[in-house]
Protein backbone atom coordinates (compact mmCIF):
# COMPACT_ATOMS: atom_id res chain seq x y z
CA MET A 1 0.00 0.00 0.00
CA LYS A 2 2.84 2.30 0.89
CA LYS A 3 4.51 1.35 -2.38
CA ASP A 4 1.42 2.30 -4.35
CA PHE A 5 1.28 5.65 -2.59
CA ASN A 6 4.94 6.40 -3.41
CA GLU A 7 4.40 5.43 -7.04
CA THR A 8 1.38 7.72 -7.23
CA GLU A 9 3.34 10.57 -5.68
CA ASN A 10 6.20 10.07 -8.16
CA VAL A 11 3.78 10.11 -11.06
CA GLN A 12 2.20 13.33 -9.81
CA GLN A 13 5.60 14.93 -9.40
CA GLN A 14 6.61 13.89 -12.92
CA ALA A 15 3.31 15.15 -14.26
CA GLY A 16 3.88 18.44 -12.46
CA GLN A 17 7.32 18.75 -13.99
CA VAL A 18 5.92 18.04 -17.45
CA ASN A 19 3.21 20.63 -16.93
CA ASN A 20 5.75 23.18 -15.75
CA GLN A 21 7.93 22.44 -18.79
CA ALA A 22 4.89 22.76 -21.02
CA ARG A 23 4.00 26.10 -19.50
CA THR A 24 7.58 27.29 -19.94
CA VAL A 25 7.56 26.29 -23.61
CA ALA A 26 4.16 27.93 -24.07
CA ASP A 27 5.39 31.09 -22.44
CA ILE A 28 8.45 31.14 -24.66
CA VAL A 29 6.40 30.50 -27.77
CA GLY A 30 3.90 33.11 -26.68
CA GLU A 31 6.61 35.68 -26.17
CA ASP A 32 8.05 34.90 -29.60
CA VAL A 33 4.62 35.23 -31.13
CA ASN A 34 4.03 38.55 -29.38
CA GLN A 35 7.49 39.78 -30.38
CA MET A 36 6.92 38.80 -34.02
CA THR A 37 3.56 40.55 -33.95
CA ALA A 38 5.16 43.76 -32.70
CA GLU A 39 7.80 43.56 -35.39
CA GLU A 40 5.18 42.87 -38.00
CA GLN A 41 3.14 45.81 -36.78
CA GLU A 42 6.18 48.02 -37.13
CA ARG A 43 6.74 46.70 -40.66
CA GLU A 44 3.13 47.39 -41.54
CA GLN A 45 3.40 50.90 -40.20
CA ARG A 46 6.53 51.44 -42.28
CA ARG A 47 4.70 50.17 -45.37
CA ALA A 48 1.87 52.59 -44.64
CA ASP A 49 4.35 55.47 -44.26
CA LEU A 50 6.08 54.59 -47.55
CA ALA A 51 2.93 54.02 -49.58
CA PRO A 52 2.22 57.74 -50.28
CA MET A 53 5.83 58.14 -51.43
CA LEU A 54 5.51 55.63 -54.27
CA ILE A 55 5.60 57.45 -57.60
CA GLN A 56 4.09 55.65 -60.57
CA SER A 57 2.86 56.58 -64.03
CA GLY A 58 -0.59 57.40 -62.71
CA THR A 59 0.54 59.31 -59.65
CA VAL A 60 -1.00 62.79 -59.49
CA VAL A 61 1.41 65.41 -58.14
CA GLU A 62 0.84 69.10 -57.61
CA PRO A 63 2.42 71.25 -60.34
CA GLU A 64 5.46 73.27 -59.35
CA VAL A 65 4.58 76.83 -58.36
CA PRO A 66 7.43 79.37 -58.60
CA ALA A 67 7.32 82.09 -55.96
CA LEU A 68 9.05 84.49 -58.38
CA THR A 69 9.78 84.72 -62.10
CA VAL A 70 12.42 86.60 -64.10
CA ASP A 71 11.57 86.99 -67.79
CA ASP A 72 8.98 84.23 -67.27
CA ILE A 73 11.59 81.82 -65.86
CA GLY A 74 10.49 80.55 -62.45
CA MET A 75 12.54 80.37 -59.26
CA PHE A 76 12.04 79.75 -55.52
CA ALA A 77 9.37 77.08 -56.05
CA LEU A 78 6.98 76.23 -53.22
CA SER A 79 7.48 73.01 -51.22
CA ASP A 80 11.24 73.31 -51.57
CA ILE A 81 14.30 74.97 -50.10
CA HIS A 82 16.56 77.38 -51.98
CA ALA A 83 19.82 79.25 -51.46
CA LEU A 84 21.16 82.75 -51.99
CA LYS A 85 24.93 82.94 -51.64
CA GLY A 86 27.71 85.50 -51.98
CA LYS A 87 30.72 87.11 -50.34
CA GLN A 88 30.27 89.35 -47.33
CA LYS A 89 28.69 92.74 -48.09
CA CYS A 90 28.05 91.83 -51.72
CA GLY A 91 24.38 92.88 -51.74
CA LYS A 92 22.48 89.74 -50.71
CA THR A 93 20.06 91.57 -48.43
CA THR A 94 19.59 94.31 -51.04
CA ALA A 95 18.67 91.66 -53.63
CA LEU A 96 16.20 90.17 -51.17
CA LYS A 97 14.56 93.59 -50.72
CA VAL A 98 13.84 93.60 -54.45
CA CYS A 99 12.33 90.11 -54.14
CA LEU A 100 10.19 91.28 -51.20
CA ALA A 101 9.02 94.30 -53.18
CA ALA A 102 8.03 92.01 -56.07
CA TRP A 103 6.03 89.79 -53.73
CA MET A 104 4.28 92.74 -52.11
CA LYS A 105 3.46 94.70 -55.29
CA GLY A 106 3.37 91.90 -57.86
CA ASN A 107 6.51 93.01 -59.71
CA GLN A 108 9.68 94.99 -59.22
CA PHE A 109 11.97 95.74 -62.17
CA ARG A 110 12.13 92.43 -64.12
CA ILE A 111 11.13 90.36 -61.08
CA LYS A 112 7.51 89.22 -60.89
CA SER A 113 5.60 87.42 -58.16
CA GLY A 114 4.21 84.00 -58.96
CA LEU A 115 1.86 84.21 -55.97
CA GLU A 116 -1.37 86.09 -55.33
CA HIS A 117 -1.13 88.32 -52.23
CA PRO A 118 1.64 86.20 -50.67
CA ARG A 119 2.53 86.22 -47.01
CA VAL A 120 6.27 86.38 -46.43
CA LEU A 121 8.10 85.60 -43.19
CA TYR A 122 11.58 87.14 -43.04
CA LEU A 123 14.01 86.01 -40.32
CA ASP A 124 17.18 88.08 -39.99
CA THR A 125 19.77 86.49 -37.71
CA GLU A 126 22.69 88.85 -38.38
CA GLN A 127 21.76 92.54 -38.44
CA LYS A 128 20.86 94.92 -35.64
CA GLN A 129 17.28 96.16 -35.35
CA SER A 130 17.85 99.49 -37.09
CA ASP A 131 19.20 97.70 -40.18
CA VAL A 132 16.41 95.14 -40.08
CA LYS A 133 13.88 97.99 -39.93
CA LEU A 134 15.35 99.27 -43.21
CA ILE A 135 14.12 96.11 -44.90
CA VAL A 136 10.53 97.13 -44.21
CA THR A 137 11.18 100.81 -44.90
CA ASP A 138 12.87 100.15 -48.25
CA VAL A 139 10.13 97.78 -49.39
CA ILE A 140 7.49 100.43 -48.66
CA GLN A 141 9.58 103.06 -50.48
CA MET A 142 10.16 100.85 -53.54
CA THR A 143 6.57 99.70 -53.88
CA GLY A 144 4.69 102.81 -52.80
CA LEU A 145 2.27 100.52 -50.96
CA ASP A 146 0.40 101.41 -47.80
CA ALA A 147 2.39 100.52 -44.69
CA ASN A 148 -0.56 98.61 -43.24
CA TYR A 149 -0.70 96.34 -46.29
CA VAL A 150 3.04 95.62 -46.06
CA ASP A 151 2.81 94.98 -42.30
CA GLU A 152 -0.03 92.54 -42.92
CA HIS A 153 1.74 90.55 -45.64
CA LEU A 154 5.38 90.83 -44.55
CA HIS A 155 6.54 89.84 -41.07
CA VAL A 156 10.20 90.65 -40.43
CA TYR A 157 11.96 89.49 -37.26
CA ALA A 158 15.36 90.61 -35.91
CA LEU A 159 16.65 87.42 -34.26
CA ARG A 160 20.38 87.87 -33.87
CA ARG A 161 20.05 87.73 -30.06
CA ARG A 162 18.35 84.30 -30.17
CA ASP A 163 20.48 81.27 -29.39
CA PHE A 164 20.92 78.79 -32.24
CA ASN A 165 19.07 76.00 -30.42
CA LEU A 166 15.92 78.14 -30.25
CA LEU A 167 15.71 79.31 -33.84
CA MET A 168 14.24 76.20 -35.46
CA ASP A 169 11.42 76.03 -32.92
CA ASP A 170 10.92 79.80 -33.28
CA MET A 171 10.48 79.37 -37.01
CA ARG A 172 8.02 76.49 -36.60
CA LEU A 173 5.95 78.60 -34.20
CA LEU A 174 5.92 81.61 -36.53
CA VAL A 175 5.08 79.48 -39.56
CA GLY A 176 2.17 77.97 -37.68
CA ASP A 177 0.89 81.37 -36.53
CA PHE A 178 1.44 83.44 -39.67
CA CYS A 179 0.88 80.74 -42.34
CA PRO A 180 3.34 82.22 -44.88
CA GLN A 181 4.01 80.97 -48.39
CA VAL A 182 7.61 82.15 -48.34
CA VAL A 183 10.17 82.07 -45.53
CA VAL A 184 13.46 83.92 -45.93
CA ILE A 185 16.24 83.02 -43.50
CA ASP A 186 18.85 85.77 -43.84
CA GLY A 187 21.71 84.04 -42.03
CA ILE A 188 20.97 80.29 -41.95
CA VAL A 189 24.41 79.69 -40.42
CA GLU A 190 23.05 80.92 -37.06
CA PHE A 191 20.71 77.90 -36.89
CA VAL A 192 23.65 75.58 -36.06
CA ALA A 193 26.47 75.66 -33.53
CA SER A 194 29.02 75.07 -36.32
CA PHE A 195 28.57 75.14 -40.08
CA ASN A 196 31.28 72.45 -40.26
CA ASP A 197 29.32 69.97 -38.12
CA GLU A 198 28.13 67.43 -40.70
CA ALA A 199 25.48 65.82 -38.48
CA MET A 200 23.95 69.16 -37.50
CA ALA A 201 23.99 70.33 -41.12
CA LYS A 202 22.19 67.20 -42.33
CA GLN A 203 19.62 67.44 -39.55
CA LEU A 204 18.89 71.12 -40.21
CA ILE A 205 18.51 70.71 -43.97
CA HIS A 206 16.29 67.66 -43.42
CA GLU A 207 14.04 69.62 -41.04
CA LEU A 208 13.80 72.52 -43.48
CA LEU A 209 12.85 70.17 -46.31
CA CYS A 210 10.16 68.51 -44.20
CA LEU A 211 8.80 71.90 -43.11
CA SER A 212 8.71 73.19 -46.68
CA GLU A 213 6.72 70.18 -47.89
CA GLU A 214 4.42 70.03 -44.86
CA HIS A 215 3.38 73.69 -45.17
CA ARG A 216 3.99 74.11 -48.94
CA LEU A 217 6.62 76.75 -48.31
CA SER A 218 9.39 78.27 -50.35
CA ILE A 219 12.26 78.51 -47.86
CA VAL A 220 15.11 80.75 -49.03
CA CYS A 221 18.34 80.33 -47.06
CA VAL A 222 21.11 82.95 -47.21
CA LEU A 223 24.66 81.74 -46.66
CA HIS A 224 28.11 83.26 -47.28
CA THR A 225 30.56 81.68 -49.70
CA ASN A 226 34.13 80.82 -48.74
CA LYS A 227 36.53 83.74 -48.27
CA ALA A 228 38.84 83.07 -51.22
CA ASP A 229 37.92 85.28 -54.17
CA ASP A 230 37.87 82.41 -56.63
CA ASP A 231 35.92 80.04 -54.35
CA HIS A 232 32.17 80.37 -54.88
CA ASN A 233 31.13 77.39 -52.74
CA MET A 234 28.97 77.99 -49.67
CA ARG A 235 30.70 77.54 -46.35
CA GLY A 236 31.26 74.22 -44.62
CA HIS A 237 29.16 71.07 -44.48
CA LEU A 238 26.09 73.26 -44.15
CA GLY A 239 26.85 74.85 -47.51
CA THR A 240 27.49 71.47 -49.10
CA MET A 241 24.21 70.01 -47.86
CA LEU A 242 22.27 73.13 -48.82
CA ALA A 243 23.75 73.11 -52.33
CA GLN A 244 22.82 69.44 -52.76
CA LYS A 245 19.21 69.83 -51.66
CA ALA A 246 18.33 73.33 -52.90
CA GLY A 247 16.04 73.61 -55.88
CA THR A 248 17.55 76.97 -56.84
CA VAL A 249 20.93 78.47 -55.92
CA LEU A 250 21.41 82.17 -56.69
CA GLU A 251 24.63 84.14 -56.27
CA CYS A 252 25.17 87.86 -55.66
CA LYS A 253 28.25 89.64 -56.96
CA LYS A 254 29.12 93.33 -56.70
CA MET A 255 31.31 95.22 -59.15
CA ASP A 256 31.68 98.99 -59.44
CA GLY A 257 28.58 99.51 -57.31
CA VAL A 258 26.38 97.21 -59.41
CA ILE A 259 24.93 94.13 -57.70
CA THR A 260 24.26 91.27 -60.10
CA VAL A 261 22.17 88.23 -59.18
CA SER A 262 22.82 85.12 -61.23
CA CYS A 263 21.70 81.50 -61.05
CA SER A 264 24.63 79.21 -60.30
CA ASP A 265 22.52 76.05 -60.04
CA ALA A 266 18.93 75.01 -60.71
CA ARG A 267 17.05 71.77 -61.09
CA HIS A 268 15.17 73.16 -64.06
CA GLN A 269 15.62 76.24 -66.26
CA GLU A 270 18.16 78.74 -64.97
CA MET A 271 17.00 82.23 -64.05
CA PRO A 272 18.46 85.03 -66.24
CA ASP A 273 20.84 87.48 -64.57
CA TRP A 274 19.48 90.74 -63.19
CA SER A 275 21.23 93.74 -61.71
CA ILE A 276 20.47 96.51 -59.23
CA MET A 277 22.31 99.46 -57.71
CA PHE A 278 21.93 102.28 -55.24
CA GLN A 279 21.20 105.71 -56.67
CA ASP A 280 22.73 108.86 -55.25
CA ASP A 281 19.65 109.34 -53.06
CA GLY A 282 20.13 105.86 -51.56
CA CYS A 283 17.18 104.30 -53.38
CA ILE A 284 17.52 100.87 -55.02
CA ALA A 285 17.25 101.04 -58.81
CA ASP A 286 17.33 98.72 -61.81
CA ALA A 287 20.90 98.47 -63.14
CA ASP A 288 20.52 96.09 -66.08
CA GLU A 289 21.41 98.84 -68.59
CA GLN A 290 24.43 99.94 -66.53
CA ARG A 291 25.65 96.36 -66.36
CA ARG A 292 25.13 95.88 -70.11
CA LYS A 293 27.25 98.95 -70.81
CA ALA A 294 29.86 97.82 -68.28
CA LEU A 295 30.06 94.41 -69.94
CA GLU A 296 30.42 95.99 -73.38
CA GLN A 297 33.17 98.27 -72.10
CA HIS A 298 34.90 95.36 -70.39
CA LYS A 299 34.68 93.35 -73.62
CA ALA A 300 36.13 96.22 -75.63
CA GLU A 301 38.96 96.72 -73.13
CA LEU A 302 39.69 93.00 -73.15
CA GLN A 303 39.77 92.99 -76.95
CA GLN A 304 42.10 96.01 -76.93
CA ARG A 305 44.45 94.29 -74.47
CA ARG A 306 44.47 91.17 -76.62
CA GLN A 307 45.27 93.19 -79.73
CA GLU A 308 48.06 95.02 -77.94
CA ALA A 309 49.45 91.76 -76.59
CA ASN A 310 49.31 90.20 -80.05
CA ALA A 311 51.01 93.23 -81.62
CA GLN A 312 53.74 93.08 -78.98
CA LYS A 313 54.19 89.38 -79.63
CA GLN A 314 54.49 89.96 -83.36
CA LYS A 315 57.00 92.78 -82.84
CA GLU A 316 59.15 90.63 -80.56
CA ARG A 317 59.08 87.83 -83.13
CA LEU A 318 60.06 90.18 -85.97
CA ASP A 319 62.80 91.81 -83.88
CA TYR A 320 64.25 88.38 -83.16
CA ALA A 321 64.21 87.41 -86.84
CA LEU A 322 65.86 90.69 -87.86
CA SER A 323 68.53 90.27 -85.16
CA CYS A 324 69.30 86.80 -86.56
CA ILE A 325 69.66 88.26 -90.07
CA ARG A 326 71.86 91.11 -88.77
CA ASP A 327 74.08 88.74 -86.78
CA ASN A 328 74.46 86.61 -89.90
CA GLY A 329 76.01 89.49 -91.84
CA GLY A 330 72.79 91.17 -92.94
CA SER A 331 71.32 88.37 -95.02
CA MET A 332 70.10 84.82 -94.53
CA SER A 333 68.45 82.17 -96.64
CA ARG A 334 64.78 81.64 -96.07
CA LYS A 335 65.43 78.00 -95.29
CA GLN A 336 67.94 78.91 -92.59
CA LEU A 337 65.66 81.53 -90.96
CA THR A 338 62.75 79.07 -91.06
CA ALA A 339 64.79 76.49 -89.16
CA ILE A 340 65.83 79.08 -86.54
CA LEU A 341 62.25 80.23 -85.91
CA ILE A 342 60.96 76.65 -85.70
CA SER A 343 63.57 75.92 -83.04
CA LYS A 344 62.93 79.17 -81.16
CA TYR A 345 59.13 79.15 -81.02
CA ASN A 346 58.34 75.46 -81.58
CA TYR A 347 56.11 76.36 -84.53
CA GLN A 348 55.14 74.14 -87.44
CA ARG A 349 57.04 74.71 -90.68
CA GLN A 350 53.93 75.92 -92.52
CA THR A 351 53.24 78.41 -89.71
CA VAL A 352 56.73 79.91 -89.97
CA SER A 353 56.47 80.00 -93.74
CA ALA A 354 53.23 81.97 -93.51
CA ILE A 355 54.82 84.41 -91.03
CA ILE A 356 57.80 85.10 -93.27
CA SER A 357 55.51 85.52 -96.30
CA GLN A 358 53.49 88.08 -94.34
CA TRP A 359 56.67 90.01 -93.42
CA LEU A 360 57.65 90.11 -97.06
CA LYS A 361 54.18 91.25 -98.08
CA GLU A 362 54.16 94.03 -95.46
CA GLY A 363 57.66 95.17 -96.47
CA LYS A 364 59.24 94.21 -93.14
CA MET A 365 61.79 92.17 -95.10
CA MET A 366 62.90 91.86 -98.68
CA GLN A 367 64.19 88.88 -100.59
CA ILE A 368 67.13 89.33 -102.99
CA ASN A 369 68.60 86.43 -104.95
CA GLY A 370 66.99 83.95 -102.56
CA TYR A 371 68.32 85.69 -99.42
CA LEU A 372 66.34 87.60 -96.85
CA HIS A 373 67.33 91.12 -95.82
CA ALA A 374 65.84 93.72 -93.52
CA SER A 375 63.94 96.36 -95.47
CA GLU A 376 65.17 99.92 -95.31
CA GLU A 377 62.26 100.85 -93.01
CA THR A 378 62.86 98.05 -90.51
CA ALA A 379 66.63 98.39 -90.72
CA LEU A 380 66.41 102.03 -89.67
CA ALA A 381 63.87 101.27 -86.94
CA PHE A 382 65.79 98.29 -85.70
């Protein structure tokens, strides 16, 4: 009887162990199932996020809307970021004032607004308040519009006292409150601790792109180029990332008081150049005609310098040939002079032959009995 009881107890213990093992396996399997379900849910969410980004032949996309046009060529399209670059004090803010005037009035000089009664948010991170105030003052002066209208459609903020880690949130807040179509960031470098920090640059440009698409904004970022005169790249990793992502990159250059805005890069058709200047009374004026005349004058001066350089080169070449003839007793065979000039200037034989024939035709030399001599005119001059 005792034996039967012990056997029963052993069986129950074994059964309990089996049940415990079974529960452990079930728990493990259950956890795996739950874990797989969570992963699958995440994958499904990712698929849902990616689905609207699939572009196919039948995908309907909104047409590109340029915020401005120059001679009917669009620039600063909505839902995208753009760049305006240039050396320090080269007229970037002045060029932006012309753009602002075009947005407010509908056109300014050759610049036309592509938007109907646009709202523009202007964030200046570099200038003091008195200079920032001039942005508003100059726009009113250029357009002749009522100050109340400009104040309603153009919000300009002087933010150079704001710390860099506040500026992005400031902009989001202002975009949400004002609902602009265009945001100008005059001094995008102040949005990061260092323009050479690659991670910060990528993050900032990514956030600007997302903001532009979310609110259908044209975001125009102003950034200086490198200091070297012949280096027109925007500064640091921030400049590199901005150049890669920007739909339009414009560049300001100043020469003899004329500020010229050109398109250095564009995804589509490049904007034509346009120029502005300050008049004696301090007002901003169209300078396309002044620049055209300056270019023509520069071209004429360049042509004159080339002609003078070519004439000097020809004179030096003739003087050398005449000196060779003189040192050879006053005469030399054409074959001998040809060989000397080929060796001296590394010219082809036919080139030297044509040069000598031209000298003979112009009377710089004369040929007697197969020998070359200096003409009386060149002999006296030489």
